[in-house]
């Protein structure tokens, strides 16, 4: 009976901590393990398409570390600069890894239906993406993004068909958003289009016209329009779902 009472007390005192979102808190160690696992997945999948990756990372590490250590030798403090050289060398290798992983991911998804949505959903900050807000049977699609600039309509597919889809979607949401700025972007390599690899930077550089409160208010009004209207993929999954998740983590760093 005493053991049962002790177990009951232990069960009551060891309740999982709950965060602001109502979900159980995850320990820092668990978060670090998860991040390390995702980076490991991204490395393996990038290496399959970029066999030179480890050598390029090694060169970056050696060059940066050697330069820093040389400075230490010139200042007669080689041992003092050694830890700094190693840390900066590792940082250089990670930067190279991140950029090559991003380039590999873009090469794999470019031209696939939902590629623009995949890029948009990986943007840093408060961006509310509705994938496939409009589209057709040919898998041309318009994705709707709500953020501080206002509304951004991003079209991908055949330029002529996408232009018509964007115009229709703009007329549809204009009744709800009032004077809120509406931007339109067409993904592609043609004149007046934005290449997929530059899409994220292009959208994030748009002028900030709304406050956070105005974005929230507009979001409630936009909810009246409903979610995605077309069964357009929420982003291609190159090599499977795990690759999508891990490489998105790398892109956000």
Protein backbone atom coordinates (compact mmCIF):
# COMPACT_ATOMS: atom_id res chain seq x y z
CA UNK A 1 0.00 0.00 0.00
CA UNK A 2 2.90 2.30 0.87
CA UNK A 3 4.51 1.56 -2.49
CA UNK A 4 1.25 2.35 -4.27
CA UNK A 5 0.89 5.63 -2.42
CA UNK A 6 4.48 6.53 -3.27
CA UNK A 7 3.89 5.72 -6.93
CA UNK A 8 0.72 7.81 -6.93
CA UNK A 9 2.57 10.75 -5.41
CA UNK A 10 5.41 10.35 -7.92
CA UNK A 11 2.88 10.29 -10.75
CA UNK A 12 1.27 13.47 -9.46
CA UNK A 13 4.56 15.32 -8.97
CA UNK A 14 6.06 14.33 -12.34
CA UNK A 15 3.46 15.81 -14.61
CA UNK A 16 4.81 16.97 -17.93
CA UNK A 17 5.28 20.72 -18.20
CA UNK A 18 2.97 22.39 -20.69
CA UNK A 19 3.98 25.31 -22.91
CA UNK A 20 1.94 28.35 -23.94
CA UNK A 21 0.60 26.44 -26.93
CA UNK A 22 -0.88 23.79 -24.64
CA UNK A 23 1.59 21.16 -25.82
CA UNK A 24 4.08 19.36 -23.52
CA UNK A 25 7.42 21.14 -23.34
CA UNK A 26 10.38 19.45 -25.01
CA UNK A 27 13.71 19.48 -23.19
CA UNK A 28 16.68 21.27 -24.71
CA UNK A 29 18.57 17.98 -25.01
CA UNK A 30 15.70 16.44 -26.98
CA UNK A 31 15.54 19.50 -29.24
CA UNK A 32 19.29 19.28 -29.88
CA UNK A 33 19.01 15.58 -30.72
CA UNK A 34 16.12 16.25 -33.11
CA UNK A 35 18.01 19.09 -34.83
CA UNK A 36 21.14 16.96 -35.12
CA UNK A 37 19.08 14.16 -36.64
CA UNK A 38 17.49 16.48 -39.20
CA UNK A 39 20.86 17.97 -40.15
CA UNK A 40 22.23 14.44 -40.53
CA UNK A 41 19.36 13.53 -42.86
CA UNK A 42 19.90 16.68 -44.89
CA UNK A 43 23.63 15.92 -45.19
CA UNK A 44 23.06 12.35 -46.42
CA UNK A 45 20.47 13.41 -48.97
CA UNK A 46 22.55 16.33 -50.19
CA UNK A 47 25.61 14.09 -50.49
CA UNK A 48 23.73 11.71 -52.79
CA UNK A 49 23.27 14.52 -55.30
CA UNK A 50 26.49 16.39 -54.48
CA UNK A 51 29.37 13.90 -53.90
CA UNK A 52 31.87 16.78 -53.66
CA UNK A 53 30.15 18.13 -50.55
CA UNK A 54 32.53 16.69 -47.88
CA UNK A 55 35.61 17.84 -49.81
CA UNK A 56 34.26 21.37 -50.27
CA UNK A 57 33.37 21.54 -46.58
CA UNK A 58 36.84 20.28 -45.64
CA UNK A 59 38.53 22.88 -47.86
CA UNK A 60 36.42 25.65 -46.32
CA UNK A 61 37.33 24.46 -42.82
CA UNK A 62 41.07 24.18 -43.55
CA UNK A 63 41.34 27.53 -45.36
CA UNK A 64 39.48 29.53 -42.68
CA UNK A 65 41.19 27.78 -39.78
CA UNK A 66 44.62 28.20 -41.40
CA UNK A 67 44.10 31.93 -41.98
CA UNK A 68 43.00 32.51 -38.37
CA UNK A 69 45.88 30.43 -37.02
CA UNK A 70 48.34 32.30 -39.23
CA UNK A 71 47.11 35.54 -37.68
CA UNK A 72 47.72 33.96 -34.28
CA UNK A 73 51.27 33.01 -35.25
CA UNK A 74 51.99 36.53 -36.49
CA UNK A 75 50.73 37.87 -33.16
CA UNK A 76 52.86 35.30 -31.27
CA UNK A 77 49.73 33.66 -29.82
CA UNK A 78 49.21 30.45 -31.83
CA UNK A 79 47.72 28.45 -28.96
CA UNK A 80 45.38 31.26 -27.97
CA UNK A 81 44.00 31.48 -31.53
CA UNK A 82 43.73 27.71 -32.05
CA UNK A 83 40.22 27.29 -30.53
CA UNK A 84 39.03 30.35 -32.44
CA UNK A 85 40.48 28.93 -35.66
CA UNK A 86 38.66 25.62 -35.14
CA UNK A 87 35.33 27.26 -34.34
CA UNK A 88 35.48 29.63 -37.32
CA UNK A 89 36.54 26.75 -39.55
CA UNK A 90 33.53 24.71 -38.44
CA UNK A 91 31.26 27.71 -39.00
CA UNK A 92 32.62 28.13 -42.54
CA UNK A 93 32.02 24.43 -43.26
CA UNK A 94 28.43 24.68 -41.98
CA UNK A 95 27.76 27.75 -44.12
CA UNK A 96 29.05 25.91 -47.20
CA UNK A 97 26.90 22.90 -46.30
CA UNK A 98 23.78 25.03 -45.89
CA UNK A 99 24.21 26.77 -49.23
CA UNK A 100 24.92 23.59 -51.17
CA UNK A 101 22.00 21.80 -49.48
CA UNK A 102 19.74 24.68 -50.47
CA UNK A 103 20.99 24.65 -54.06
CA UNK A 104 20.47 20.89 -54.28
CA UNK A 105 16.93 21.17 -52.93
CA UNK A 106 16.03 23.90 -55.42
CA UNK A 107 17.42 21.88 -58.34
CA UNK A 108 15.32 18.89 -57.33
CA UNK A 109 12.01 20.72 -56.93
CA UNK A 110 12.33 23.23 -59.76
CA UNK A 111 9.64 22.69 -62.39
CA UNK A 112 7.53 20.43 -60.16
CA UNK A 113 3.93 21.35 -59.23
CA UNK A 114 3.92 22.89 -55.77
CA UNK A 115 7.57 23.99 -55.84
CA UNK A 116 6.68 27.62 -55.15
CA UNK A 117 4.49 26.59 -52.23
CA UNK A 118 7.37 24.57 -50.78
CA UNK A 119 9.61 27.64 -50.91
CA UNK A 120 6.98 29.97 -49.44
CA UNK A 121 6.25 27.69 -46.51
CA UNK A 122 9.95 27.68 -45.64
CA UNK A 123 10.22 31.46 -45.23
CA UNK A 124 11.26 32.88 -41.87
CA UNK A 125 8.80 35.08 -40.00
CA UNK A 126 5.04 35.39 -39.77
CA UNK A 127 3.92 34.42 -43.27
CA UNK A 128 0.53 32.75 -43.65
CA UNK A 129 0.57 30.65 -46.80
CA UNK A 130 -2.52 29.21 -48.47
CA UNK A 131 -1.29 26.72 -51.05
CA UNK A 132 -3.40 26.29 -54.17
CA UNK A 133 -5.82 29.13 -53.43
CA UNK A 134 -6.66 28.94 -57.12
CA UNK A 135 -5.70 26.54 -59.87
CA UNK A 136 -6.76 24.37 -62.79
CA UNK A 137 -6.51 20.80 -64.09
CA UNK A 138 -3.16 21.53 -65.74
CA UNK A 139 -1.73 22.07 -62.21
CA UNK A 140 -1.15 25.78 -62.75
CA UNK A 141 -1.66 27.30 -59.32
CA UNK A 142 -1.86 30.54 -57.38
CA UNK A 143 -0.67 30.51 -53.76
CA UNK A 144 -1.86 33.22 -51.40
CA UNK A 145 0.52 34.71 -48.83
CA UNK A 146 -0.56 37.00 -46.00
CA UNK A 147 2.13 39.02 -44.25
CA UNK A 148 3.32 42.47 -43.27
CA UNK A 149 3.47 43.67 -46.93
CA UNK A 150 -0.21 42.76 -47.38
CA UNK A 151 -1.39 40.03 -49.76
CA UNK A 152 1.04 38.35 -52.15
CA UNK A 153 -0.34 36.15 -54.92
CA UNK A 154 2.31 33.78 -56.26
CA UNK A 155 1.54 31.97 -59.50
CA UNK A 156 3.38 29.00 -60.98
CA UNK A 157 2.79 27.16 -64.22
CA UNK A 158 2.04 28.31 -67.76
CA UNK A 159 2.49 32.14 -67.74
CA UNK A 160 -0.62 32.89 -69.81
CA UNK A 161 -2.91 30.64 -67.79
CA UNK A 162 -1.37 31.81 -64.51
CA UNK A 163 -1.95 35.45 -65.44
CA UNK A 164 -5.67 34.73 -65.80
CA UNK A 165 -5.78 32.81 -62.51
CA UNK A 166 -4.02 35.62 -60.65
CA UNK A 167 -6.45 38.21 -62.05
CA UNK A 168 -9.45 36.12 -60.97
CA UNK A 169 -8.05 35.60 -57.47
CA UNK A 170 -7.22 39.28 -57.13
CA UNK A 171 -10.81 40.24 -57.96
CA UNK A 172 -12.11 37.66 -55.52
CA UNK A 173 -10.09 38.81 -52.51
CA UNK A 174 -10.33 42.56 -53.27
CA UNK A 175 -13.89 42.48 -51.92
CA UNK A 176 -12.55 41.34 -48.54
CA UNK A 177 -9.20 43.09 -48.06
CA UNK A 178 -10.27 46.63 -48.96
CA UNK A 179 -7.30 48.99 -49.42
CA UNK A 180 -4.72 46.38 -48.40
CA UNK A 181 -1.90 46.20 -50.98
CA UNK A 182 -2.04 43.14 -53.25
CA UNK A 183 1.17 42.06 -54.96
CA UNK A 184 1.39 39.41 -57.65
CA UNK A 185 4.44 37.33 -58.55
CA UNK A 186 4.89 34.76 -61.30
CA UNK A 187 7.57 32.13 -60.78
CA UNK A 188 9.79 31.37 -63.76
CA UNK A 189 12.89 32.36 -65.67
CA UNK A 190 11.19 34.54 -68.27
CA UNK A 191 11.01 38.32 -68.48
CA UNK A 192 9.11 39.84 -65.57
CA UNK A 193 9.16 36.54 -63.66
CA UNK A 194 10.97 35.64 -60.44
CA UNK A 195 13.24 32.53 -60.46
CA UNK A 196 12.30 29.91 -57.88
CA UNK A 197 15.59 30.26 -56.00
CA UNK A 198 14.98 34.02 -55.59
CA UNK A 199 11.30 33.77 -54.67
CA UNK A 200 11.78 33.78 -50.91
CA UNK A 201 14.12 36.80 -50.97
CA UNK A 202 11.80 38.67 -53.36
CA UNK A 203 8.73 38.24 -51.14
CA UNK A 204 10.60 39.03 -47.91
CA UNK A 205 11.96 42.28 -49.39
CA UNK A 206 8.52 43.69 -50.14
CA UNK A 207 7.71 46.86 -48.16
CA UNK A 208 6.09 46.43 -44.74
CA UNK A 209 2.68 48.08 -45.04
CA UNK A 210 0.82 46.46 -42.13
CA UNK A 211 1.37 46.12 -38.41
CA UNK A 212 1.16 42.77 -36.65
CA UNK A 213 -2.31 43.62 -35.33
CA UNK A 214 -3.50 44.54 -38.82
CA UNK A 215 -2.18 41.23 -40.16
CA UNK A 216 -4.15 39.34 -37.50
CA UNK A 217 -7.31 41.31 -38.26
CA UNK A 218 -6.89 40.74 -41.99
CA UNK A 219 -6.28 37.06 -41.36
CA UNK A 220 -9.69 36.75 -39.71
CA UNK A 221 -11.35 38.41 -42.69
CA UNK A 222 -9.42 36.21 -45.10
CA UNK A 223 -10.69 33.14 -43.27
CA UNK A 224 -14.08 33.86 -44.82
CA UNK A 225 -12.60 33.01 -48.20
CA UNK A 226 -11.84 29.50 -47.06
CA UNK A 227 -8.70 27.44 -47.55
CA UNK A 228 -7.14 25.90 -50.62
CA UNK A 229 -9.57 25.50 -53.50
CA UNK A 230 -7.47 23.15 -55.61
CA UNK A 231 -5.81 19.82 -54.72
CA UNK A 232 -2.38 21.32 -55.43
CA UNK A 233 0.49 19.74 -53.45
CA UNK A 234 1.59 21.78 -50.46
CA UNK A 235 5.10 21.51 -51.89
CA UNK A 236 6.97 18.71 -53.66
CA UNK A 237 8.65 16.10 -51.51
CA UNK A 238 12.02 15.41 -53.17
CA UNK A 239 13.23 12.07 -51.93
CA UNK A 240 10.35 11.71 -49.49
CA UNK A 241 8.79 13.66 -46.65
CA UNK A 242 11.87 13.48 -44.43
CA UNK A 243 13.97 15.33 -46.97
CA UNK A 244 11.42 18.09 -47.21
CA UNK A 245 11.46 18.62 -43.45
CA UNK A 246 15.22 18.43 -42.93
CA UNK A 247 16.18 20.64 -45.84
CA UNK A 248 13.56 23.21 -44.80
CA UNK A 249 15.33 23.37 -41.42
CA UNK A 250 18.63 23.99 -43.20
CA UNK A 251 17.11 26.73 -45.36
CA UNK A 252 15.81 28.58 -42.33
CA UNK A 253 19.24 28.77 -40.72
